Structures are given as C-alpha cells and as structure tokens.
C-alpha cells in the first residue's frame, strides 16, 4: 500500500517542481521586461522635457532606421506621448504577474493537503 502512495506523491512533487521552475522563469522574464520598459519610459520623459524647452521653429529630426526625417515639434511630441502610453500599458500588463505566483502557492497547498491526508490515514 505504501508504494502507490509514494509514487503518487513523487509524481505530485515532480509536477510541482516543473510548475515552480516554469513560473519562476516567467516572473524573471516579466521583471526584466518591466525594468527595460522603465528605462524606455524614463528616456521618453527626458526627451519630452528637452523638446519642450526648444523654440517652436527648431528643426527636429526623427530617427528612422539609418536616416533622419524632418518632423515638426508637435509631431515629435505626439510620437513620444504615444510611446509613453504604450509603455505604460505594457508595464501594467506585466505587473499582473501576481497570478503566476498565486498558481505556485495553490499547487504547494494542494501537495501539503495531500501529505496531511496521507498522514491522517
């Protein structure tokens, strides 16, 4: 009787281990992406601050690949604002990784319950 219980527990532990490793990797990737997006966000804010101090007739260029395109100050500001909104949305989406951590906790709780029920019998 002890052998089937051990196999069942072993299988549950191996599944939990795989799930935890996978979830930890996803959380790390999400953290790295949030960090990168934070740098983009800071860069965008600094660029907007610098552009706002320039006179309106200043010639501004947008980098596109290997070339630069002449743009108005208003167009550059609009591009930066759009970029800022996109980055904010992505950061909010990535910060919802709490569900990943919760799924690991649930799996751990399930195994604890299984162990407690086995000891009770």
N, C-alpha and C. Protein backbone atom coordinates (compact mmCIF):
# COMPACT_ATOMS: atom_id res chain seq x y z
N UNK A 1 0.83 -1.19 0.00
CA UNK A 1 0.00 0.00 0.00
C UNK A 1 0.87 1.25 0.00
N UNK A 2 2.05 1.17 0.62
CA UNK A 2 2.90 2.34 0.72
C UNK A 2 3.50 2.72 -0.63
N UNK A 3 3.76 1.74 -1.49
CA UNK A 3 4.39 2.03 -2.78
C UNK A 3 3.52 2.92 -3.68
N UNK A 4 2.19 2.64 -3.83
CA UNK A 4 1.38 3.51 -4.68
C UNK A 4 1.30 4.94 -4.13
N UNK A 5 1.27 5.07 -2.80
CA UNK A 5 1.22 6.40 -2.19
C UNK A 5 2.50 7.15 -2.51
N UNK A 6 3.64 6.46 -2.38
CA UNK A 6 4.93 7.09 -2.67
C UNK A 6 5.02 7.53 -4.13
N UNK A 7 4.54 6.69 -5.03
CA UNK A 7 4.57 7.05 -6.45
C UNK A 7 3.69 8.26 -6.74
N UNK A 8 2.52 8.27 -6.09
CA UNK A 8 1.60 9.39 -6.29
C UNK A 8 2.21 10.69 -5.76
N UNK A 9 2.83 10.63 -4.58
CA UNK A 9 3.48 11.81 -4.01
C UNK A 9 4.67 12.25 -4.86
N UNK A 10 5.43 11.27 -5.32
CA UNK A 10 6.60 11.58 -6.15
C UNK A 10 6.16 12.29 -7.43
N UNK A 11 5.09 11.80 -8.03
CA UNK A 11 4.57 12.41 -9.25
C UNK A 11 4.08 13.83 -8.96
N UNK A 12 3.37 14.01 -7.86
CA UNK A 12 2.87 15.34 -7.50
C UNK A 12 4.02 16.31 -7.24
N UNK A 13 5.05 15.83 -6.55
CA UNK A 13 6.21 16.69 -6.28
C UNK A 13 6.93 17.07 -7.57
N UNK A 14 7.09 16.11 -8.47
CA UNK A 14 7.78 16.42 -9.73
C UNK A 14 6.97 17.42 -10.56
N UNK A 15 5.64 17.28 -10.56
CA UNK A 15 4.79 18.24 -11.27
C UNK A 15 4.91 19.63 -10.65
N UNK A 16 4.93 19.69 -9.32
CA UNK A 16 5.07 20.97 -8.64
C UNK A 16 6.42 21.60 -8.97
N UNK A 17 7.47 20.80 -8.97
CA UNK A 17 8.80 21.31 -9.26
C UNK A 17 8.85 21.92 -10.67
N UNK A 18 8.30 21.22 -11.64
CA UNK A 18 8.27 21.71 -13.01
C UNK A 18 7.47 23.01 -13.09
N UNK A 19 6.33 23.03 -12.41
CA UNK A 19 5.47 24.22 -12.43
C UNK A 19 6.17 25.41 -11.77
N UNK A 20 6.87 25.15 -10.65
CA UNK A 20 7.56 26.23 -9.95
C UNK A 20 8.70 26.79 -10.80
N UNK A 21 9.48 25.93 -11.42
CA UNK A 21 10.59 26.39 -12.26
C UNK A 21 10.06 27.22 -13.43
N UNK A 22 9.01 26.74 -14.05
CA UNK A 22 8.41 27.45 -15.18
C UNK A 22 7.90 28.82 -14.74
N UNK A 23 7.21 28.85 -13.62
CA UNK A 23 6.64 30.10 -13.12
C UNK A 23 7.74 31.07 -12.71
N UNK A 24 8.77 30.58 -12.06
CA UNK A 24 9.87 31.45 -11.65
C UNK A 24 10.55 32.07 -12.88
N UNK A 25 10.70 31.30 -13.94
CA UNK A 25 11.29 31.83 -15.16
C UNK A 25 10.40 32.92 -15.76
N UNK A 26 9.09 32.68 -15.77
CA UNK A 26 8.16 33.67 -16.31
C UNK A 26 8.20 34.97 -15.49
N UNK A 27 8.29 34.83 -14.18
CA UNK A 27 8.35 36.01 -13.30
C UNK A 27 9.64 36.79 -13.57
N UNK A 28 10.76 36.08 -13.72
CA UNK A 28 12.04 36.75 -14.01
C UNK A 28 11.98 37.50 -15.33
N UNK A 29 11.41 36.86 -16.35
CA UNK A 29 11.29 37.50 -17.66
C UNK A 29 10.41 38.75 -17.55
N UNK A 30 9.31 38.63 -16.82
CA UNK A 30 8.42 39.77 -16.64
C UNK A 30 9.14 40.90 -15.92
N UNK A 31 9.92 40.58 -14.89
CA UNK A 31 10.68 41.60 -14.16
C UNK A 31 11.68 42.30 -15.08
N UNK A 32 12.38 41.53 -15.90
CA UNK A 32 13.34 42.12 -16.84
C UNK A 32 12.65 43.03 -17.85
N UNK A 33 11.49 42.61 -18.32
CA UNK A 33 10.75 43.43 -19.28
C UNK A 33 10.27 44.72 -18.63
N UNK A 34 9.80 44.63 -17.39
CA UNK A 34 9.36 45.83 -16.67
C UNK A 34 10.53 46.79 -16.49
N UNK A 35 11.69 46.24 -16.15
CA UNK A 35 12.89 47.07 -15.97
C UNK A 35 13.26 47.77 -17.28
N UNK A 36 13.24 47.04 -18.38
CA UNK A 36 13.57 47.61 -19.68
C UNK A 36 12.56 48.69 -20.07
N UNK A 37 11.29 48.40 -19.87
CA UNK A 37 10.26 49.38 -20.20
C UNK A 37 10.37 50.63 -19.32
N UNK A 38 10.81 50.45 -18.09
CA UNK A 38 11.03 51.59 -17.20
C UNK A 38 12.11 52.50 -17.75
N UNK A 39 13.17 51.90 -18.31
CA UNK A 39 14.23 52.71 -18.92
C UNK A 39 13.71 53.46 -20.14
N UNK A 40 12.89 52.80 -20.95
CA UNK A 40 12.30 53.44 -22.13
C UNK A 40 11.42 54.60 -21.69
N UNK A 41 10.65 54.36 -20.62
CA UNK A 41 9.75 55.38 -20.09
C UNK A 41 10.54 56.62 -19.63
N UNK A 42 11.63 56.38 -18.91
CA UNK A 42 12.46 57.48 -18.42
C UNK A 42 13.08 58.24 -19.60
N UNK A 43 13.56 57.51 -20.59
CA UNK A 43 14.17 58.13 -21.77
C UNK A 43 13.14 59.00 -22.49
N UNK A 44 11.92 58.51 -22.64
CA UNK A 44 10.86 59.26 -23.32
C UNK A 44 10.53 60.54 -22.56
N UNK A 45 10.42 60.44 -21.23
CA UNK A 45 10.12 61.63 -20.43
C UNK A 45 11.23 62.67 -20.54
N UNK A 46 12.49 62.22 -20.49
CA UNK A 46 13.61 63.15 -20.62
C UNK A 46 13.60 63.83 -21.99
N UNK A 47 13.34 63.05 -23.02
CA UNK A 47 13.30 63.61 -24.38
C UNK A 47 12.18 64.65 -24.50
N UNK A 48 11.01 64.33 -23.96
CA UNK A 48 9.91 65.28 -24.00
C UNK A 48 10.26 66.56 -23.24
N UNK A 49 10.91 66.42 -22.10
CA UNK A 49 11.28 67.59 -21.31
C UNK A 49 12.26 68.47 -22.09
N UNK A 50 13.22 67.85 -22.76
CA UNK A 50 14.19 68.62 -23.54
C UNK A 50 13.53 69.30 -24.73
N UNK A 51 12.64 68.60 -25.40
CA UNK A 51 11.97 69.17 -26.57
C UNK A 51 11.07 70.33 -26.16
N UNK A 52 10.45 70.24 -25.01
CA UNK A 52 9.54 71.31 -24.58
C UNK A 52 10.28 72.62 -24.33
N UNK A 53 11.57 72.56 -24.05
CA UNK A 53 12.33 73.79 -23.81
C UNK A 53 12.78 74.47 -25.10
N UNK A 54 12.68 73.77 -26.23
CA UNK A 54 13.13 74.31 -27.51
C UNK A 54 12.10 75.27 -28.10
N UNK A 55 12.54 76.27 -28.85
CA UNK A 55 11.58 77.15 -29.53
C UNK A 55 10.81 76.37 -30.59
N UNK A 56 9.64 76.84 -30.94
CA UNK A 56 8.76 76.11 -31.87
C UNK A 56 9.33 76.01 -33.28
N UNK A 57 10.18 76.94 -33.68
CA UNK A 57 10.70 76.89 -35.05
C UNK A 57 11.98 76.05 -35.16
N UNK A 58 12.35 75.35 -34.09
CA UNK A 58 13.55 74.49 -34.12
C UNK A 58 13.30 73.30 -35.03
N UNK A 59 14.31 72.97 -35.84
CA UNK A 59 14.19 71.82 -36.74
C UNK A 59 14.48 70.55 -35.93
N UNK A 60 13.53 69.65 -35.91
CA UNK A 60 13.68 68.38 -35.17
C UNK A 60 13.64 67.23 -36.16
N UNK A 61 14.43 66.22 -35.89
CA UNK A 61 14.51 65.07 -36.77
C UNK A 61 14.19 63.80 -35.99
N UNK A 62 13.45 62.92 -36.64
CA UNK A 62 13.12 61.62 -36.05
C UNK A 62 14.01 60.57 -36.71
N UNK A 63 14.65 59.76 -35.89
CA UNK A 63 15.49 58.70 -36.42
C UNK A 63 14.64 57.54 -36.89
N UNK A 64 14.83 57.17 -38.17
CA UNK A 64 14.10 56.04 -38.75
C UNK A 64 15.13 55.16 -39.44
N UNK A 65 15.46 54.05 -38.80
CA UNK A 65 16.48 53.18 -39.37
C UNK A 65 17.81 53.89 -39.43
N UNK A 66 18.36 54.04 -40.64
CA UNK A 66 19.65 54.71 -40.82
C UNK A 66 19.50 56.16 -41.25
N UNK A 67 18.29 56.65 -41.30
CA UNK A 67 18.09 58.02 -41.76
C UNK A 67 17.32 58.83 -40.74
N UNK A 68 17.26 60.11 -40.99
CA UNK A 68 16.53 61.03 -40.12
C UNK A 68 15.52 61.78 -40.97
N UNK A 69 14.31 61.92 -40.42
CA UNK A 69 13.24 62.60 -41.13
C UNK A 69 12.87 63.87 -40.37
N UNK A 70 12.78 64.96 -41.12
CA UNK A 70 12.40 66.23 -40.52
C UNK A 70 10.95 66.16 -40.06
N UNK A 71 10.70 66.46 -38.79
CA UNK A 71 9.35 66.44 -38.22
C UNK A 71 9.12 67.74 -37.46
N UNK A 72 7.86 68.10 -37.32
CA UNK A 72 7.54 69.29 -36.52
C UNK A 72 7.64 68.93 -35.05
N UNK A 73 7.76 69.94 -34.23
CA UNK A 73 7.85 69.72 -32.78
C UNK A 73 6.59 69.02 -32.27
N UNK A 74 5.46 69.41 -32.81
CA UNK A 74 4.18 68.81 -32.41
C UNK A 74 4.12 67.33 -32.76
N UNK A 75 4.59 66.96 -33.95
CA UNK A 75 4.59 65.56 -34.37
C UNK A 75 5.51 64.72 -33.49
N UNK A 76 6.68 65.25 -33.18
CA UNK A 76 7.61 64.52 -32.30
C UNK A 76 6.98 64.34 -30.93
N UNK A 77 6.35 65.39 -30.41
CA UNK A 77 5.68 65.30 -29.10
C UNK A 77 4.58 64.25 -29.12
N UNK A 78 3.80 64.22 -30.21
CA UNK A 78 2.74 63.21 -30.33
C UNK A 78 3.31 61.80 -30.35
N UNK A 79 4.42 61.61 -31.09
CA UNK A 79 5.05 60.30 -31.14
C UNK A 79 5.54 59.87 -29.75
N UNK A 80 6.14 60.81 -29.03
CA UNK A 80 6.63 60.49 -27.69
C UNK A 80 5.48 60.20 -26.73
N UNK A 81 4.39 60.93 -26.85
CA UNK A 81 3.22 60.69 -25.99
C UNK A 81 2.63 59.30 -26.27
N UNK A 82 2.53 58.95 -27.55
CA UNK A 82 2.03 57.61 -27.91
C UNK A 82 2.94 56.52 -27.37
N UNK A 83 4.24 56.75 -27.50
CA UNK A 83 5.21 55.77 -26.99
C UNK A 83 5.05 55.63 -25.48
N UNK A 84 4.86 56.73 -24.79
CA UNK A 84 4.69 56.73 -23.33
C UNK A 84 3.45 55.92 -22.93
N UNK A 85 2.35 56.13 -23.64
CA UNK A 85 1.10 55.40 -23.35
C UNK A 85 1.29 53.90 -23.57
N UNK A 86 1.95 53.56 -24.66
CA UNK A 86 2.19 52.14 -24.98
C UNK A 86 3.03 51.48 -23.88
N UNK A 87 4.08 52.17 -23.46
CA UNK A 87 4.96 51.62 -22.41
C UNK A 87 4.19 51.47 -21.10
N UNK A 88 3.38 52.47 -20.74
CA UNK A 88 2.58 52.39 -19.51
C UNK A 88 1.64 51.20 -19.54
N UNK A 89 0.98 50.99 -20.69
CA UNK A 89 0.06 49.86 -20.82
C UNK A 89 0.79 48.52 -20.68
N UNK A 90 1.96 48.42 -21.30
CA UNK A 90 2.73 47.17 -21.22
C UNK A 90 3.19 46.90 -19.80
N UNK A 91 3.61 47.96 -19.09
CA UNK A 91 4.05 47.78 -17.70
C UNK A 91 2.89 47.31 -16.84
N UNK A 92 1.71 47.91 -17.01
CA UNK A 92 0.54 47.49 -16.23
C UNK A 92 0.21 46.03 -16.51
N UNK A 93 0.31 45.65 -17.77
CA UNK A 93 0.01 44.26 -18.15
C UNK A 93 1.00 43.29 -17.52
N UNK A 94 2.27 43.66 -17.52
CA UNK A 94 3.30 42.78 -16.96
C UNK A 94 3.22 42.70 -15.44
N UNK A 95 2.72 43.75 -14.81
CA UNK A 95 2.63 43.74 -13.35
C UNK A 95 1.50 42.82 -12.86
N UNK A 96 0.72 42.31 -13.76
CA UNK A 96 -0.34 41.37 -13.39
C UNK A 96 0.19 39.95 -13.25
N UNK A 97 1.50 39.82 -13.08
CA UNK A 97 2.13 38.50 -12.94
C UNK A 97 1.82 37.85 -11.61
N UNK A 98 1.08 38.54 -10.76
CA UNK A 98 0.74 38.00 -9.44
C UNK A 98 0.02 36.66 -9.58
N UNK A 99 -0.76 36.51 -10.65
CA UNK A 99 -1.48 35.25 -10.83
C UNK A 99 -0.52 34.08 -11.01
N UNK A 100 0.66 34.34 -11.58
CA UNK A 100 1.66 33.27 -11.72
C UNK A 100 2.13 32.79 -10.36
N UNK A 101 2.43 33.76 -9.49
CA UNK A 101 2.90 33.41 -8.16
C UNK A 101 1.79 32.71 -7.37
N UNK A 102 0.55 33.14 -7.59
CA UNK A 102 -0.58 32.53 -6.88
C UNK A 102 -0.77 31.08 -7.32
N UNK A 103 -0.53 30.78 -8.59
CA UNK A 103 -0.71 29.41 -9.07
C UNK A 103 0.30 28.46 -8.42
N UNK A 104 1.51 28.95 -8.18
CA UNK A 104 2.51 28.13 -7.49
C UNK A 104 2.09 27.88 -6.06
N UNK A 105 1.59 28.91 -5.39
CA UNK A 105 1.14 28.76 -4.00
C UNK A 105 0.00 27.74 -3.92
N UNK A 106 -0.92 27.78 -4.88
CA UNK A 106 -2.03 26.83 -4.89
C UNK A 106 -1.53 25.40 -5.06
N UNK A 107 -0.56 25.22 -5.94
CA UNK A 107 -0.01 23.87 -6.15
C UNK A 107 0.69 23.38 -4.88
N UNK A 108 1.42 24.27 -4.22
CA UNK A 108 2.08 23.90 -2.96
C UNK A 108 1.04 23.51 -1.91
N UNK A 109 -0.03 24.28 -1.81
CA UNK A 109 -1.08 23.98 -0.85
C UNK A 109 -1.73 22.62 -1.13
N UNK A 110 -1.95 22.33 -2.41
CA UNK A 110 -2.53 21.04 -2.78
C UNK A 110 -1.65 19.89 -2.33
N UNK A 111 -0.36 20.02 -2.50
CA UNK A 111 0.55 18.94 -2.09
C UNK A 111 0.59 18.83 -0.57
N UNK A 112 0.55 19.96 0.12
CA UNK A 112 0.51 19.91 1.59
C UNK A 112 -0.74 19.19 2.08
N UNK A 113 -1.87 19.51 1.44
CA UNK A 113 -3.12 18.82 1.81
C UNK A 113 -3.00 17.33 1.55
N UNK A 114 -2.38 16.97 0.44
CA UNK A 114 -2.22 15.55 0.11
C UNK A 114 -1.35 14.87 1.16
N UNK A 115 -0.27 15.52 1.57
CA UNK A 115 0.61 14.95 2.59
C UNK A 115 -0.13 14.80 3.92
N UNK A 116 -0.88 15.81 4.30
CA UNK A 116 -1.62 15.77 5.57
C UNK A 116 -2.68 14.67 5.54
N UNK A 117 -3.35 14.51 4.42
CA UNK A 117 -4.38 13.47 4.32
C UNK A 117 -3.74 12.07 4.37
N UNK A 118 -2.53 11.92 3.80
CA UNK A 118 -1.85 10.64 3.84
C UNK A 118 -1.40 10.31 5.27
N UNK A 119 -0.95 11.31 5.99
CA UNK A 119 -0.53 11.08 7.38
C UNK A 119 -1.72 10.77 8.28
N UNK A 120 -2.86 11.34 7.96
CA UNK A 120 -4.05 11.11 8.77
C UNK A 120 -4.54 9.66 8.68
N UNK A 121 -4.29 9.04 7.49
CA UNK A 121 -4.77 7.66 7.29
C UNK A 121 -3.88 6.70 7.92
